[in-house]
Amino acid sequence: MSNPLHTLIQSPARTVIIGPDQPFVIIGERINPTGRKKLAAEMQAGDFSRVISDALAQVKAGAHILDVNAGVPSANPQRVEPELMMRAIEAVQSVTDLPLSIDSSVVPALIAGIRTAKGRPLVNSVTGEDERLEAILPVVAEYNLPVIGICNDESGISYDPVVRLAVARKIVERAERYGIKREDVVLDPLAMPVGAVNSAGADLFTLVRMIREELGCNTICGASNISFGLPNRHLIDAAFVPMAIAAGMTCAITNPINTQVRHAIYAADVLMGNDESCMRYLAAMREAAQQEGADAGAAGATPAGDERRSAREARRAARATREES
């Protein structure tokens, strides 16, 4: 399609534009209790201090949008999750004015999040399953919001990009029947673990190109899924995201605190012509140099200081890996 489609995600103070001619959009993934027992227990106990600290850390790291998920383990998520979603969003909005992504598979929680979030949040998400489409798209249309469409349906996740493209087309066409504009459907082609599915990366790049050429929609994925189960996941992620950007992907849900991935995104934006005068890249490199200088000053410019810096960097990497698991 000749004219790029722009998806607008908004808070009262900020507008984030997702589009192929725009800088790549980073959606912070950290506010999610899935696999994080401490965070889940704290949220269930009414303690949202870690939600706030995760929000602030991601803002500082350069996230453009914050994903908010309240999916704690529960025998009755329809009752528990809506209240937790509202409280989590209120906590996040108390410390930042970034736009939000409301992330839940529980429809009442999505509705609660939509009603609590200020501005025009991103709804995360709907699949190609008829039951999900009929439950979620009317809500999205009622509030005039953008929505993530995940390319799987009742048959599961196909390994064939052509099958997933057909699911994507179904989601877009069903959304349009409800009056949801094509630019407000952001399609997730599904990043599968490349350690388990050898063609996962190549298939995703193929599907991103097909979606761009045939449907014109913006695309998104959970970037860290690609490296699941592999050592040095940050290295895989940092290679994967720029390749996805080159294929046409316009945003991702990822961890902005991961400097390696974030800097790779900035570099990719430069090479795609979406960072005018390389300003964002240059600013990030200046900040990195200042941090390196501060670390060197604290450790002392000695072999022992170098060893201490290396040990510190290793601890940071290990901590980030533990937090993501």
Protein backbone atom coordinates (compact mmCIF):
# COMPACT_ATOMS: atom_id res chain seq x y z
CA MET A 1 0.00 0.00 0.00
CA SER A 2 1.44 3.36 -1.02
CA ASN A 3 0.35 5.50 1.92
CA PRO A 4 1.61 4.24 5.31
CA LEU A 5 -1.02 3.69 7.97
CA HIS A 6 -0.47 5.41 11.30
CA THR A 7 -1.77 4.00 14.58
CA LEU A 8 -2.21 6.61 17.33
CA ILE A 9 -1.81 5.65 20.99
CA GLN A 10 -2.47 8.53 23.36
CA SER A 11 -2.44 9.73 26.93
CA PRO A 12 -3.78 13.18 27.85
CA ALA A 13 -0.25 14.60 27.47
CA ARG A 14 1.41 12.44 24.81
CA THR A 15 0.72 10.91 21.41
CA VAL A 16 2.75 7.97 20.11
CA ILE A 17 2.54 7.29 16.37
CA ILE A 18 3.16 3.75 15.16
CA GLY A 19 4.01 3.57 11.47
CA PRO A 20 6.63 2.38 8.95
CA ASP A 21 7.90 5.93 8.44
CA GLN A 22 8.18 6.55 12.19
CA PRO A 23 10.81 5.59 14.78
CA PHE A 24 10.28 2.07 16.09
CA VAL A 25 7.97 2.08 19.12
CA ILE A 26 9.10 0.32 22.29
CA ILE A 27 6.28 -0.98 24.52
CA GLY A 28 7.61 -1.80 27.99
CA GLU A 29 6.76 -5.36 29.05
CA ARG A 30 7.78 -5.36 32.72
CA ILE A 31 4.40 -4.74 34.42
CA ASN A 32 3.28 -8.33 34.11
CA PRO A 33 2.97 -10.81 37.01
CA THR A 34 3.13 -13.84 34.71
CA GLY A 35 6.11 -15.86 35.88
CA ARG A 36 6.96 -13.26 38.56
CA LYS A 37 5.81 -14.75 41.85
CA LYS A 38 6.83 -11.78 43.99
CA LEU A 39 5.00 -9.26 41.82
CA ALA A 40 1.89 -11.47 41.66
CA ALA A 41 1.82 -11.91 45.45
CA GLU A 42 2.32 -8.20 46.05
CA MET A 43 -0.46 -7.21 43.66
CA GLN A 44 -2.85 -9.68 45.27
CA ALA A 45 -1.94 -8.20 48.66
CA GLY A 46 -2.68 -4.69 47.44
CA ASP A 47 0.97 -3.62 47.21
CA PHE A 48 1.65 -1.85 43.91
CA SER A 49 5.05 -0.40 44.80
CA ARG A 50 6.85 -2.77 42.42
CA VAL A 51 4.41 -1.82 39.65
CA ILE A 52 5.38 1.81 40.21
CA SER A 53 9.11 1.08 40.29
CA ASP A 54 8.85 -1.02 37.11
CA ALA A 55 6.96 1.82 35.42
CA LEU A 56 9.53 4.43 36.41
CA ALA A 57 12.47 2.23 35.37
CA GLN A 58 10.98 1.66 31.93
CA VAL A 59 10.19 5.34 31.47
CA LYS A 60 13.80 6.19 32.36
CA ALA A 61 15.06 3.54 29.92
CA GLY A 62 13.14 5.05 27.02
CA ALA A 63 9.85 3.15 26.66
CA HIS A 64 7.23 4.95 24.58
CA ILE A 65 4.21 2.97 25.85
CA LEU A 66 3.77 0.83 28.97
CA ASP A 67 2.00 -2.52 28.80
CA VAL A 68 -0.06 -3.27 31.94
CA ASN A 69 -1.01 -6.87 32.71
CA ALA A 70 -2.74 -7.99 35.93
CA GLY A 71 -2.97 -11.71 35.20
CA VAL A 72 -2.21 -13.16 38.63
CA PRO A 73 -2.87 -16.86 39.34
CA SER A 74 -6.52 -17.15 40.36
CA ALA A 75 -9.34 -19.65 40.37
CA ASN A 76 -11.70 -16.82 39.40
CA PRO A 77 -9.89 -14.35 37.12
CA GLN A 78 -13.19 -12.84 35.95
CA ARG A 79 -13.69 -11.51 39.47
CA VAL A 80 -10.10 -10.89 40.60
CA GLU A 81 -8.38 -9.44 37.56
CA PRO A 82 -10.61 -6.41 36.79
CA GLU A 83 -9.95 -4.83 40.20
CA LEU A 84 -6.22 -5.50 39.99
CA MET A 85 -6.11 -4.06 36.48
CA MET A 86 -7.77 -0.83 37.62
CA ARG A 87 -5.44 -0.45 40.58
CA ALA A 88 -2.33 -1.20 38.51
CA ILE A 89 -3.31 1.38 35.90
CA GLU A 90 -4.06 3.96 38.57
CA ALA A 91 -0.64 3.32 40.10
CA VAL A 92 1.14 3.69 36.76
CA GLN A 93 -0.77 6.83 35.84
CA SER A 94 0.16 8.37 39.18
CA VAL A 95 3.85 8.46 38.19
CA THR A 96 3.96 8.78 34.38
CA ASP A 97 2.02 10.30 31.51
CA LEU A 98 3.07 7.68 28.93
CA PRO A 99 0.25 6.05 26.94
CA LEU A 100 -0.72 2.54 28.00
CA SER A 101 -1.38 -0.88 26.54
CA ILE A 102 -4.16 -2.76 28.37
CA ASP A 103 -3.09 -6.41 28.37
CA SER A 104 -5.49 -9.19 29.34
CA SER A 105 -7.23 -12.28 28.01
CA VAL A 106 -10.09 -11.63 30.46
CA VAL A 107 -12.72 -9.42 28.83
CA PRO A 108 -14.01 -7.80 32.07
CA ALA A 109 -10.40 -6.87 32.92
CA LEU A 110 -9.93 -5.32 29.49
CA ILE A 111 -13.11 -3.28 29.95
CA ALA A 112 -12.03 -2.21 33.45
CA GLY A 113 -8.65 -1.18 32.10
CA ILE A 114 -10.14 0.76 29.20
CA ARG A 115 -12.42 2.66 31.54
CA THR A 116 -9.57 3.46 33.94
CA ALA A 117 -6.89 4.42 31.43
CA LYS A 118 -6.72 8.06 30.42
CA GLY A 119 -6.49 8.91 26.74
CA ARG A 120 -6.50 6.33 23.94
CA PRO A 121 -4.79 3.12 25.09
CA LEU A 122 -3.89 0.11 22.98
CA VAL A 123 -6.04 -2.98 23.62
CA ASN A 124 -3.94 -6.13 23.95
CA SER A 125 -5.45 -8.23 22.42
CA VAL A 126 -7.84 -10.25 20.23
CA THR A 127 -7.17 -13.47 18.32
CA GLY A 128 -8.80 -14.82 15.18
CA GLU A 129 -11.10 -17.07 17.20
CA ASP A 130 -14.72 -16.21 16.47
CA GLU A 131 -15.69 -16.19 20.14
CA ARG A 132 -12.88 -13.73 20.98
CA LEU A 133 -13.64 -11.52 17.99
CA GLU A 134 -17.30 -11.25 18.94
CA ALA A 135 -16.48 -10.55 22.60
CA ILE A 136 -13.72 -7.96 22.16
CA LEU A 137 -14.25 -6.10 18.88
CA PRO A 138 -17.58 -4.52 19.96
CA VAL A 139 -15.82 -3.10 23.03
CA VAL A 140 -12.93 -1.78 20.92
CA ALA A 141 -15.40 -0.19 18.51
CA GLU A 142 -17.47 1.36 21.29
CA TYR A 143 -14.45 3.17 22.74
CA ASN A 144 -12.79 3.85 19.35
CA LEU A 145 -9.51 2.25 20.35
CA PRO A 146 -6.65 0.51 18.52
CA VAL A 147 -6.29 -3.24 19.10
CA ILE A 148 -3.63 -5.90 18.69
CA GLY A 149 -4.74 -8.82 16.52
CA ILE A 150 -2.86 -12.06 17.15
CA CYS A 151 -2.53 -14.37 14.14
CA ASN A 152 -3.91 -17.58 15.57
CA ASP A 153 -7.44 -19.00 15.66
CA GLU A 154 -9.37 -22.06 16.84
CA SER A 155 -6.91 -24.33 15.04
CA GLY A 156 -3.98 -22.99 17.07
CA ILE A 157 -0.76 -21.43 15.76
CA SER A 158 0.16 -22.53 12.27
CA TYR A 159 3.80 -22.89 11.22
CA ASP A 160 2.75 -21.76 7.72
CA PRO A 161 2.96 -17.95 7.19
CA VAL A 162 0.25 -18.16 4.54
CA VAL A 163 -2.19 -19.65 7.06
CA ARG A 164 -1.32 -16.98 9.62
CA LEU A 165 -1.82 -14.31 6.95
CA ALA A 166 -5.33 -15.66 6.36
CA VAL A 167 -6.04 -15.29 10.10
CA ALA A 168 -4.68 -11.73 9.98
CA ARG A 169 -6.96 -10.92 7.06
CA LYS A 170 -9.94 -12.36 8.94
CA ILE A 171 -9.21 -10.17 11.97
CA VAL A 172 -8.87 -7.02 9.85
CA GLU A 173 -12.03 -7.68 7.86
CA ARG A 174 -14.06 -8.53 10.97
CA ALA A 175 -12.80 -5.36 12.66
CA GLU A 176 -13.83 -3.27 9.67
CA ARG A 177 -17.35 -4.68 9.92
CA TYR A 178 -17.51 -3.12 13.38
CA GLY A 179 -16.28 0.20 12.04
CA ILE A 180 -12.72 -0.23 13.32
CA LYS A 181 -10.32 1.36 10.87
CA ARG A 182 -7.53 -0.70 9.38
CA GLU A 183 -4.90 1.60 10.88
CA ASP A 184 -6.27 0.75 14.33
CA VAL A 185 -5.54 -2.97 13.93
CA VAL A 186 -1.92 -3.78 14.85
CA LEU A 187 -1.17 -7.36 13.83
CA ASP A 188 1.01 -9.75 15.83
CA PRO A 189 2.48 -12.41 13.48
CA LEU A 190 3.65 -14.36 16.56
CA ALA A 191 7.31 -14.74 17.45
CA MET A 192 7.84 -18.40 18.31
CA PRO A 193 10.93 -19.79 20.10
CA VAL A 194 13.60 -20.28 17.44
CA GLY A 195 15.23 -22.90 19.67
CA ALA A 196 12.16 -25.08 19.16
CA VAL A 197 11.03 -23.96 15.68
CA ASN A 198 14.04 -23.58 13.41
CA SER A 199 12.23 -21.38 10.88
CA ALA A 200 10.56 -19.13 13.49
CA GLY A 201 12.61 -16.03 12.68
CA ALA A 202 12.49 -16.39 8.91
CA ASP A 203 8.74 -17.16 9.02
CA LEU A 204 8.05 -14.05 11.08
CA PHE A 205 10.03 -11.81 8.71
CA THR A 206 8.15 -13.29 5.76
CA LEU A 207 4.79 -12.74 7.42
CA VAL A 208 5.60 -9.15 8.43
CA ARG A 209 6.39 -8.36 4.78
CA MET A 210 3.20 -10.07 3.60
CA ILE A 211 1.06 -8.15 6.10
CA ARG A 212 2.65 -4.87 5.07
CA GLU A 213 2.22 -5.54 1.35
CA GLU A 214 -1.25 -7.12 1.37
CA LEU A 215 -3.01 -5.56 4.37
CA GLY A 216 -1.00 -2.42 5.08
CA CYS A 217 -1.34 -2.83 8.84
CA ASN A 218 1.30 -2.09 11.44
CA THR A 219 2.87 -5.09 13.14
CA ILE A 220 4.00 -5.95 16.66
CA CYS A 221 5.37 -8.94 18.56
CA GLY A 222 6.58 -10.03 21.96
CA ALA A 223 10.24 -9.76 21.00
CA SER A 224 11.75 -11.90 23.77
CA ASN A 225 9.65 -14.94 22.78
CA ILE A 226 12.07 -15.64 19.92
CA SER A 227 14.96 -16.41 22.28
CA PHE A 228 13.08 -18.47 24.87
CA GLY A 229 15.15 -21.40 26.15
CA LEU A 230 18.43 -20.23 24.63
CA PRO A 231 21.54 -18.94 26.41
CA ASN A 232 22.48 -15.26 26.14
CA ARG A 233 18.93 -14.32 25.18
CA HIS A 234 19.79 -10.62 24.93
CA LEU A 235 22.15 -11.36 22.02
CA ILE A 236 19.43 -13.20 20.08
CA ASP A 237 16.89 -10.46 20.82
CA ALA A 238 19.33 -7.72 19.78
CA ALA A 239 19.86 -9.43 16.41
CA PHE A 240 16.18 -10.31 15.93
CA VAL A 241 14.54 -6.91 16.44
CA PRO A 242 16.56 -4.99 13.81
CA MET A 243 15.90 -7.79 11.31
CA ALA A 244 12.18 -7.55 12.08
CA ILE A 245 12.38 -3.77 11.63
CA ALA A 246 14.03 -4.25 8.23
CA ALA A 247 11.16 -6.58 7.28
CA GLY A 248 8.66 -3.85 8.20
CA MET A 249 7.76 -4.37 11.85
CA THR A 250 6.84 -1.08 13.52
CA CYS A 251 6.70 -1.81 17.27
CA ALA A 252 7.41 -4.51 19.84
CA ILE A 253 6.61 -5.41 23.41
CA THR A 254 10.04 -5.79 24.97
CA ASN A 255 12.19 -4.87 27.95
CA PRO A 256 13.54 -1.33 27.41
CA ILE A 257 15.90 -1.78 30.36
CA ASN A 258 17.88 -4.19 28.17
CA THR A 259 20.46 -1.75 26.79
CA GLN A 260 21.72 -4.14 24.12
CA VAL A 261 18.28 -4.47 22.51
CA ARG A 262 17.40 -0.81 22.95
CA HIS A 263 20.61 0.38 21.28
CA ALA A 264 20.08 -2.10 18.44
CA ILE A 265 16.65 -0.56 17.86
CA TYR A 266 18.11 2.94 17.75
CA ALA A 267 20.75 1.81 15.25
CA ALA A 268 18.10 0.14 13.09
CA ASP A 269 16.05 3.35 13.06
CA VAL A 270 19.10 5.20 11.75
CA LEU A 271 19.59 2.68 8.94
CA MET A 272 15.86 2.74 8.05
CA GLY A 273 15.93 6.54 7.78
CA ASN A 274 13.55 6.97 10.72
CA ASP A 275 15.88 8.91 13.01
CA GLU A 276 16.35 12.38 11.54
CA SER A 277 20.00 13.47 11.68
CA CYS A 278 20.60 10.40 13.89
CA MET A 279 19.47 12.51 16.85
CA ARG A 280 18.00 9.74 19.00
CA TYR A 281 20.95 7.44 18.34
CA LEU A 282 23.47 10.16 19.16
CA ALA A 283 21.65 11.07 22.37
CA ALA A 284 21.63 7.41 23.45
CA MET A 285 25.34 7.04 22.73
CA ARG A 286 26.16 10.19 24.70
CA GLU A 287 24.16 8.87 27.64
CA ALA A 288 25.91 5.50 27.42
CA ALA A 289 29.31 7.18 27.33
CA GLN A 290 28.45 9.32 30.35
CA GLN A 291 27.31 6.24 32.27
CA GLU A 292 30.48 4.39 31.31
CA GLY A 293 32.55 7.35 32.48
CA ALA A 294 30.69 7.48 35.77
CA ASP A 295 31.20 3.74 36.27
CA ALA A 296 34.89 4.08 35.46
CA GLY A 297 35.25 6.95 37.92
CA ALA A 298 33.53 4.99 40.64
CA ALA A 299 35.63 1.89 40.07
CA GLY A 300 38.93 3.64 39.40
CA ALA A 301 40.94 3.41 36.17
CA THR A 302 42.94 0.35 37.25
CA PRO A 303 43.00 -3.33 36.31
CA ALA A 304 41.16 -4.03 39.55
CA GLY A 305 38.64 -1.35 38.59
CA ASP A 306 38.16 -3.00 35.19
CA GLU A 307 37.51 -6.32 36.92
CA ARG A 308 34.99 -4.69 39.24
CA ARG A 309 33.20 -3.07 36.28
CA SER A 310 33.08 -6.39 34.44
CA ALA A 311 31.71 -8.10 37.53
CA ARG A 312 29.09 -5.36 37.93
CA GLU A 313 28.00 -5.69 34.29
CA ALA A 314 27.76 -9.46 34.66
CA ARG A 315 25.59 -9.08 37.76
CA ARG A 316 23.31 -6.63 35.93
CA ALA A 317 22.92 -9.01 33.00
CA ALA A 318 22.21 -11.94 35.31
CA ARG A 319 19.68 -9.90 37.29
CA ALA A 320 17.89 -8.83 34.10
CA THR A 321 17.75 -12.43 32.94
CA ARG A 322 16.32 -13.60 36.29
CA GLU A 323 13.68 -10.86 36.24
CA GLU A 324 12.59 -11.83 32.73
CA SER A 325 12.23 -15.50 33.67
